[in-house]
């Protein structure tokens, strides 16, 4: 039986705290990409998106989106809780939610820097590698989503969500 998840913008204080806690667990504690915290200036303008397991109401996946320039959006800090990584269902759902949300809000291009081990997964989801690069001493690809596969949805843009997202 396939597990269903809820993919949504993180809006409540509990969701936002769980979002940052999971990011810290993945990128600081597990992958050792950052020394103490992965919070950066982009988080001040980014929209956090979470995957929630309905049975426990637990945040099990995260990604952020932000507009870098008018109509140019980026996704980043995509991660799934280790206990929920089987089958790529959460990653695929988060990517779809991220790109369709940005597309709804006026995106003409959607880019992401993707760790090398995830490039083929993104290519299967209609992304193209534009350039190889190194970020935090790790190989990445700058990739672009084919927006034809990510139609605009009905997500309203919560303008106040951008303010004071960091939870200590």
C-alpha atoms as a PDB file:
ATOM      1  CA  UNK A   1       0.000   0.000   0.000  1.00  0.00           C
ATOM      2  CA  UNK A   2       1.405   3.388  -1.012  1.00  0.00           C
ATOM      3  CA  UNK A   3       1.742   6.056   1.661  1.00  0.00           C
ATOM      4  CA  UNK A   4       0.165   9.440   0.937  1.00  0.00           C
ATOM      5  CA  UNK A   5       1.748  12.670   2.077  1.00  0.00           C
ATOM      6  CA  UNK A   6       0.570  16.262   2.266  1.00  0.00           C
ATOM      7  CA  UNK A   7       2.767  18.764   0.411  1.00  0.00           C
ATOM      8  CA  UNK A   8       2.188  22.357   1.494  1.00  0.00           C
ATOM      9  CA  UNK A   9       3.701  25.683   2.381  1.00  0.00           C
ATOM     10  CA  UNK A  10       4.857  25.650   5.993  1.00  0.00           C
ATOM     11  CA  UNK A  11       2.783  28.322   7.705  1.00  0.00           C
ATOM     12  CA  UNK A  12       2.316  27.462  11.369  1.00  0.00           C
ATOM     13  CA  UNK A  13       5.090  28.035  13.937  1.00  0.00           C
ATOM     14  CA  UNK A  14       5.200  24.256  14.524  1.00  0.00           C
ATOM     15  CA  UNK A  15       5.635  23.487  10.804  1.00  0.00           C
ATOM     16  CA  UNK A  16       8.320  26.143  10.402  1.00  0.00           C
ATOM     17  CA  UNK A  17      10.232  24.876  13.438  1.00  0.00           C
ATOM     18  CA  UNK A  18       9.999  21.281  12.172  1.00  0.00           C
ATOM     19  CA  UNK A  19      11.116  22.491   8.712  1.00  0.00           C
ATOM     20  CA  UNK A  20      14.307  24.053  10.101  1.00  0.00           C
ATOM     21  CA  UNK A  21      14.896  21.153  12.501  1.00  0.00           C
ATOM     22  CA  UNK A  22      14.781  18.631   9.632  1.00  0.00           C
ATOM     23  CA  UNK A  23      17.036  20.769   7.459  1.00  0.00           C
ATOM     24  CA  UNK A  24      19.560  20.970  10.296  1.00  0.00           C
ATOM     25  CA  UNK A  25      19.372  17.209  10.834  1.00  0.00           C
ATOM     26  CA  UNK A  26      20.014  16.511   7.138  1.00  0.00           C
ATOM     27  CA  UNK A  27      22.511  19.173   6.073  1.00  0.00           C
ATOM     28  CA  UNK A  28      24.409  19.738   9.336  1.00  0.00           C
ATOM     29  CA  UNK A  29      24.237  16.517  11.332  1.00  0.00           C
ATOM     30  CA  UNK A  30      23.904  13.840   8.635  1.00  0.00           C
ATOM     31  CA  UNK A  31      25.662  15.240   5.555  1.00  0.00           C
ATOM     32  CA  UNK A  32      28.055  17.595   7.373  1.00  0.00           C
ATOM     33  CA  UNK A  33      27.612  20.188   4.608  1.00  0.00           C
ATOM     34  CA  UNK A  34      27.430  23.033   7.143  1.00  0.00           C
ATOM     35  CA  UNK A  35      29.212  23.308  10.476  1.00  0.00           C
ATOM     36  CA  UNK A  36      26.494  24.545  12.825  1.00  0.00           C
ATOM     37  CA  UNK A  37      23.407  25.694  10.953  1.00  0.00           C
ATOM     38  CA  UNK A  38      22.223  25.856   7.340  1.00  0.00           C
ATOM     39  CA  UNK A  39      20.154  29.026   7.808  1.00  0.00           C
ATOM     40  CA  UNK A  40      21.283  31.796   5.425  1.00  0.00           C
ATOM     41  CA  UNK A  41      20.129  35.137   4.000  1.00  0.00           C
ATOM     42  CA  UNK A  42      18.045  33.348   1.367  1.00  0.00           C
ATOM     43  CA  UNK A  43      15.806  32.026   4.143  1.00  0.00           C
ATOM     44  CA  UNK A  44      14.715  35.606   4.812  1.00  0.00           C
ATOM     45  CA  UNK A  45      12.953  35.686   1.427  1.00  0.00           C
ATOM     46  CA  UNK A  46      12.315  31.985   0.792  1.00  0.00           C
ATOM     47  CA  UNK A  47       9.050  30.114   1.138  1.00  0.00           C
ATOM     48  CA  UNK A  48       9.392  26.846   3.084  1.00  0.00           C
ATOM     49  CA  UNK A  49       7.520  23.825   1.746  1.00  0.00           C
ATOM     50  CA  UNK A  50       7.031  20.651   3.763  1.00  0.00           C
ATOM     51  CA  UNK A  51       5.887  17.082   3.271  1.00  0.00           C
ATOM     52  CA  UNK A  52       3.729  15.908   6.138  1.00  0.00           C
ATOM     53  CA  UNK A  53       2.910  12.320   7.014  1.00  0.00           C
ATOM     54  CA  UNK A  54      -0.834  12.476   7.792  1.00  0.00           C
ATOM     55  CA  UNK A  55      -0.870   9.641  10.330  1.00  0.00           C
ATOM     56  CA  UNK A  56       1.582  11.330  12.701  1.00  0.00           C
ATOM     57  CA  UNK A  57       1.303  14.930  11.402  1.00  0.00           C
ATOM     58  CA  UNK A  58       5.117  14.820  11.244  1.00  0.00           C
ATOM     59  CA  UNK A  59       7.220  16.879   8.823  1.00  0.00           C
ATOM     60  CA  UNK A  60       9.154  14.264   6.805  1.00  0.00           C
ATOM     61  CA  UNK A  61      10.436  16.353   3.890  1.00  0.00           C
ATOM     62  CA  UNK A  62      11.508  19.931   3.159  1.00  0.00           C
ATOM     63  CA  UNK A  63      12.385  22.296   0.318  1.00  0.00           C
ATOM     64  CA  UNK A  64      12.486  26.059  -0.078  1.00  0.00           C
ATOM     65  CA  UNK A  65      11.673  28.262  -3.068  1.00  0.00           C
ATOM     66  CA  UNK A  66      12.528  31.878  -3.716  1.00  0.00           C
ATOM     67  CA  UNK A  67      12.492  34.450  -6.469  1.00  0.00           C
ATOM     68  CA  UNK A  68      16.104  35.485  -7.201  1.00  0.00           C
ATOM     69  CA  UNK A  69      15.137  37.981  -9.930  1.00  0.00           C
ATOM     70  CA  UNK A  70      11.764  38.860 -11.417  1.00  0.00           C
ATOM     71  CA  UNK A  71      10.290  35.631 -12.799  1.00  0.00           C
ATOM     72  CA  UNK A  72      13.480  33.604 -12.038  1.00  0.00           C
ATOM     73  CA  UNK A  73      12.879  31.173  -9.184  1.00  0.00           C
ATOM     74  CA  UNK A  74      15.153  28.747  -7.377  1.00  0.00           C
ATOM     75  CA  UNK A  75      14.532  25.724  -5.241  1.00  0.00           C
ATOM     76  CA  UNK A  76      16.930  24.477  -2.609  1.00  0.00           C
ATOM     77  CA  UNK A  77      17.582  22.588   0.604  1.00  0.00           C
ATOM     78  CA  UNK A  78      15.523  19.639  -0.616  1.00  0.00           C
ATOM     79  CA  UNK A  79      15.640  16.827   1.905  1.00  0.00           C
ATOM     80  CA  UNK A  80      13.734  13.848   3.249  1.00  0.00           C
ATOM     81  CA  UNK A  81      13.869  12.346   6.718  1.00  0.00           C
ATOM     82  CA  UNK A  82      16.027   9.172   6.606  1.00  0.00           C
ATOM     83  CA  UNK A  83      13.144   6.956   7.760  1.00  0.00           C
ATOM     84  CA  UNK A  84      11.047   8.055   4.752  1.00  0.00           C
ATOM     85  CA  UNK A  85      13.513   7.880   1.843  1.00  0.00           C
ATOM     86  CA  UNK A  86      12.283   4.700   0.200  1.00  0.00           C
ATOM     87  CA  UNK A  87      10.842   5.120  -3.285  1.00  0.00           C
ATOM     88  CA  UNK A  88      11.592   8.833  -3.861  1.00  0.00           C
ATOM     89  CA  UNK A  89       7.881   9.628  -3.366  1.00  0.00           C
ATOM     90  CA  UNK A  90       8.524  12.512  -0.973  1.00  0.00           C
ATOM     91  CA  UNK A  91      11.308  14.077  -3.036  1.00  0.00           C
ATOM     92  CA  UNK A  92       9.221  13.849  -6.187  1.00  0.00           C
ATOM     93  CA  UNK A  93       6.205  15.401  -4.420  1.00  0.00           C
ATOM     94  CA  UNK A  94       8.267  18.226  -2.941  1.00  0.00           C
ATOM     95  CA  UNK A  95       9.825  19.048  -6.309  1.00  0.00           C
ATOM     96  CA  UNK A  96       6.408  19.053  -7.976  1.00  0.00           C
ATOM     97  CA  UNK A  97       4.920  21.279  -5.244  1.00  0.00           C
ATOM     98  CA  UNK A  98       7.893  23.658  -5.380  1.00  0.00           C
ATOM     99  CA  UNK A  99       7.914  24.140  -9.149  1.00  0.00           C
ATOM    100  CA  UNK A 100       4.144  24.300  -9.639  1.00  0.00           C
ATOM    101  CA  UNK A 101       3.875  26.830  -6.799  1.00  0.00           C
ATOM    102  CA  UNK A 102       6.556  29.070  -8.312  1.00  0.00           C
ATOM    103  CA  UNK A 103       4.947  28.638 -11.734  1.00  0.00           C
ATOM    104  CA  UNK A 104       1.645  29.812 -10.250  1.00  0.00           C
ATOM    105  CA  UNK A 105       3.373  32.882  -8.814  1.00  0.00           C
ATOM    106  CA  UNK A 106       4.806  33.976 -12.170  1.00  0.00           C
ATOM    107  CA  UNK A 107       7.903  31.861 -12.721  1.00  0.00           C
ATOM    108  CA  UNK A 108       9.429  31.838 -16.219  1.00  0.00           C
ATOM    109  CA  UNK A 109      12.491  29.788 -15.194  1.00  0.00           C
ATOM    110  CA  UNK A 110      12.998  27.481 -12.224  1.00  0.00           C
ATOM    111  CA  UNK A 111      16.544  26.469 -11.290  1.00  0.00           C
ATOM    112  CA  UNK A 112      18.196  24.454  -8.540  1.00  0.00           C
ATOM    113  CA  UNK A 113      21.676  23.381  -7.611  1.00  0.00           C
ATOM    114  CA  UNK A 114      21.479  19.617  -7.239  1.00  0.00           C
ATOM    115  CA  UNK A 115      23.974  17.338  -5.521  1.00  0.00           C
ATOM    116  CA  UNK A 116      25.671  15.037  -8.017  1.00  0.00           C
ATOM    117  CA  UNK A 117      24.076  11.860  -6.631  1.00  0.00           C
ATOM    118  CA  UNK A 118      20.592  13.288  -7.334  1.00  0.00           C
ATOM    119  CA  UNK A 119      21.114  14.555 -10.903  1.00  0.00           C
ATOM    120  CA  UNK A 120      19.658  11.459 -12.633  1.00  0.00           C
ATOM    121  CA  UNK A 121      16.590  11.584 -10.378  1.00  0.00           C
ATOM    122  CA  UNK A 122      15.962  15.194 -11.433  1.00  0.00           C
ATOM    123  CA  UNK A 123      16.535  14.337 -15.091  1.00  0.00           C
ATOM    124  CA  UNK A 124      13.782  11.704 -14.854  1.00  0.00           C
ATOM    125  CA  UNK A 125      11.507  14.472 -13.539  1.00  0.00           C
ATOM    126  CA  UNK A 126      12.097  16.662 -16.629  1.00  0.00           C
ATOM    127  CA  UNK A 127      15.059  18.710 -15.482  1.00  0.00           C
ATOM    128  CA  UNK A 128      18.104  19.556 -17.596  1.00  0.00           C
ATOM    129  CA  UNK A 129      21.652  20.010 -16.343  1.00  0.00           C
ATOM    130  CA  UNK A 130      23.034  23.403 -17.374  1.00  0.00           C
ATOM    131  CA  UNK A 131      26.414  23.406 -15.671  1.00  0.00           C
ATOM    132  CA  UNK A 132      28.579  21.449 -13.253  1.00  0.00           C
ATOM    133  CA  UNK A 133      29.766  23.331 -10.173  1.00  0.00           C
ATOM    134  CA  UNK A 134      31.213  22.865  -6.710  1.00  0.00           C
ATOM    135  CA  UNK A 135      29.299  24.086  -3.660  1.00  0.00           C
ATOM    136  CA  UNK A 136      30.576  23.522  -0.111  1.00  0.00           C
ATOM    137  CA  UNK A 137      33.362  21.357  -1.572  1.00  0.00           C
ATOM    138  CA  UNK A 138      30.791  18.992  -3.133  1.00  0.00           C
ATOM    139  CA  UNK A 139      29.951  18.394  -6.801  1.00  0.00           C
ATOM    140  CA  UNK A 140      26.622  19.831  -7.913  1.00  0.00           C
ATOM    141  CA  UNK A 141      24.796  20.585 -11.143  1.00  0.00           C
ATOM    142  CA  UNK A 142      22.869  23.741 -11.885  1.00  0.00           C
ATOM    143  CA  UNK A 143      19.621  22.356 -13.272  1.00  0.00           C
ATOM    144  CA  UNK A 144      16.494  23.804 -14.858  1.00  0.00           C
ATOM    145  CA  UNK A 145      12.973  22.424 -14.683  1.00  0.00           C
ATOM    146  CA  UNK A 146      10.923  22.043 -17.859  1.00  0.00           C
ATOM    147  CA  UNK A 147       7.907  24.110 -16.825  1.00  0.00           C
ATOM    148  CA  UNK A 148       5.712  22.292 -19.356  1.00  0.00           C
ATOM    149  CA  UNK A 149       5.659  19.381 -16.891  1.00  0.00           C
ATOM    150  CA  UNK A 150       4.859  21.589 -13.883  1.00  0.00           C
ATOM    151  CA  UNK A 151       1.601  23.444 -14.589  1.00  0.00           C
ATOM    152  CA  UNK A 152       0.509  26.438 -12.561  1.00  0.00           C
ATOM    153  CA  UNK A 153      -1.681  25.499  -9.614  1.00  0.00           C
ATOM    154  CA  UNK A 154      -3.996  27.459  -7.332  1.00  0.00           C
ATOM    155  CA  UNK A 155      -1.544  28.290  -4.502  1.00  0.00           C
ATOM    156  CA  UNK A 156      -2.004  31.809  -3.135  1.00  0.00           C
ATOM    157  CA  UNK A 157       1.186  33.709  -2.356  1.00  0.00           C
ATOM    158  CA  UNK A 158       1.332  34.443   1.382  1.00  0.00           C
ATOM    159  CA  UNK A 159       3.312  37.701   1.354  1.00  0.00           C
ATOM    160  CA  UNK A 160       3.683  37.784   5.134  1.00  0.00           C
ATOM    161  CA  UNK A 161       5.251  34.319   5.256  1.00  0.00           C
ATOM    162  CA  UNK A 162       8.623  35.752   4.233  1.00  0.00           C
ATOM    163  CA  UNK A 163       9.139  37.674   7.473  1.00  0.00           C
ATOM    164  CA  UNK A 164      10.954  36.262  10.504  1.00  0.00           C
ATOM    165  CA  UNK A 165      11.034  32.600   9.532  1.00  0.00           C
ATOM    166  CA  UNK A 166      14.035  31.576  11.620  1.00  0.00           C
ATOM    167  CA  UNK A 167      13.103  29.542  14.661  1.00  0.00           C
ATOM    168  CA  UNK A 168      15.779  29.146  17.314  1.00  0.00           C
END
